[in-house]
Amino acid sequence: GLGGGHDEREQTLNQILVEMDGFDTDTSVMFWRLPTVLIYSTRLYFALVASTGE
């Protein structure tokens, strides 16, 4: 649909923020969530790069 790329980027960014909200000072909790945050960050980066080619 219209603006579909923006919706995907917004959803990915929101998911990153949700995952980061779970970070704690406890190092084990932070490292447990780190891979998920990296996955969503990578998806957001590629979505932004792809959108510049439009």
C-alpha atoms as a PDB file:
ATOM      1  CA  GLY A   1       0.000   0.000   0.000  1.00  0.00           C
ATOM      2  CA  LEU A   2       0.914   3.627   0.086  1.00  0.00           C
ATOM      3  CA  GLY A   3       3.740   4.412   2.461  1.00  0.00           C
ATOM      4  CA  GLY A   4       4.291   0.736   3.203  1.00  0.00           C
ATOM      5  CA  GLY A   5       8.040   1.228   3.544  1.00  0.00           C
ATOM      6  CA  HIS A   6       7.545   3.877   6.175  1.00  0.00           C
ATOM      7  CA  ASP A   7       5.231   1.592   8.153  1.00  0.00           C
ATOM      8  CA  GLU A   8       7.842  -1.181   8.150  1.00  0.00           C
ATOM      9  CA  ARG A   9      10.586   1.184   9.292  1.00  0.00           C
ATOM     10  CA  GLU A  10       8.381   2.597  12.028  1.00  0.00           C
ATOM     11  CA  GLN A  11       7.424  -0.886  13.213  1.00  0.00           C
ATOM     12  CA  THR A  12      11.079  -1.956  13.239  1.00  0.00           C
ATOM     13  CA  LEU A  13      12.135   1.151  15.150  1.00  0.00           C
ATOM     14  CA  ASN A  14       9.337   0.626  17.671  1.00  0.00           C
ATOM     15  CA  GLN A  15      10.471  -2.979  18.172  1.00  0.00           C
ATOM     16  CA  ILE A  16      14.052  -1.833  18.778  1.00  0.00           C
ATOM     17  CA  LEU A  17      12.824   0.606  21.415  1.00  0.00           C
ATOM     18  CA  VAL A  18      10.704  -2.093  23.064  1.00  0.00           C
ATOM     19  CA  GLU A  19      13.687  -4.442  23.222  1.00  0.00           C
ATOM     20  CA  MET A  20      15.969  -1.718  24.564  1.00  0.00           C
ATOM     21  CA  ASP A  21      13.394  -0.832  27.207  1.00  0.00           C
ATOM     22  CA  GLY A  22      14.017  -4.285  28.674  1.00  0.00           C
ATOM     23  CA  PHE A  23      17.704  -3.519  29.227  1.00  0.00           C
ATOM     24  CA  ASP A  24      18.761  -3.579  32.826  1.00  0.00           C
ATOM     25  CA  THR A  25      21.963  -2.838  34.666  1.00  0.00           C
ATOM     26  CA  ASP A  26      22.302  -6.603  34.985  1.00  0.00           C
ATOM     27  CA  THR A  27      24.807  -7.487  32.258  1.00  0.00           C
ATOM     28  CA  SER A  28      23.311 -10.923  31.624  1.00  0.00           C
ATOM     29  CA  VAL A  29      19.918  -9.384  30.820  1.00  0.00           C
ATOM     30  CA  MET A  30      21.519  -6.872  28.472  1.00  0.00           C
ATOM     31  CA  PHE A  31      23.467  -9.510  26.545  1.00  0.00           C
ATOM     32  CA  TRP A  32      20.403 -11.759  26.384  1.00  0.00           C
ATOM     33  CA  ARG A  33      18.480  -9.043  24.497  1.00  0.00           C
ATOM     34  CA  LEU A  34      21.397  -7.680  22.488  1.00  0.00           C
ATOM     35  CA  PRO A  35      21.065 -10.099  19.522  1.00  0.00           C
ATOM     36  CA  THR A  36      17.402  -9.175  19.085  1.00  0.00           C
ATOM     37  CA  VAL A  37      18.191  -5.467  19.104  1.00  0.00           C
ATOM     38  CA  LEU A  38      20.978  -6.000  16.568  1.00  0.00           C
ATOM     39  CA  ILE A  39      18.646  -7.913  14.250  1.00  0.00           C
ATOM     40  CA  TYR A  40      16.035  -5.164  14.316  1.00  0.00           C
ATOM     41  CA  SER A  41      18.701  -2.461  13.963  1.00  0.00           C
ATOM     42  CA  THR A  42      20.070  -4.191  10.882  1.00  0.00           C
ATOM     43  CA  ARG A  43      16.587  -4.474   9.385  1.00  0.00           C
ATOM     44  CA  LEU A  44      15.978  -0.774  10.016  1.00  0.00           C
ATOM     45  CA  TYR A  45      19.300   0.158   8.403  1.00  0.00           C
ATOM     46  CA  PHE A  46      18.559  -1.833   5.247  1.00  0.00           C
ATOM     47  CA  ALA A  47      15.015  -0.451   5.094  1.00  0.00           C
ATOM     48  CA  LEU A  48      16.409   3.089   5.256  1.00  0.00           C
ATOM     49  CA  VAL A  49      19.031   2.346   2.598  1.00  0.00           C
ATOM     50  CA  ALA A  50      16.408   0.792   0.327  1.00  0.00           C
ATOM     51  CA  SER A  51      14.104   3.781   0.747  1.00  0.00           C
ATOM     52  CA  THR A  52      16.741   6.211  -0.502  1.00  0.00           C
ATOM     53  CA  GLY A  53      16.692   4.456  -3.873  1.00  0.00           C
ATOM     54  CA  GLU A  54      13.004   5.239  -4.434  1.00  0.00           C
END
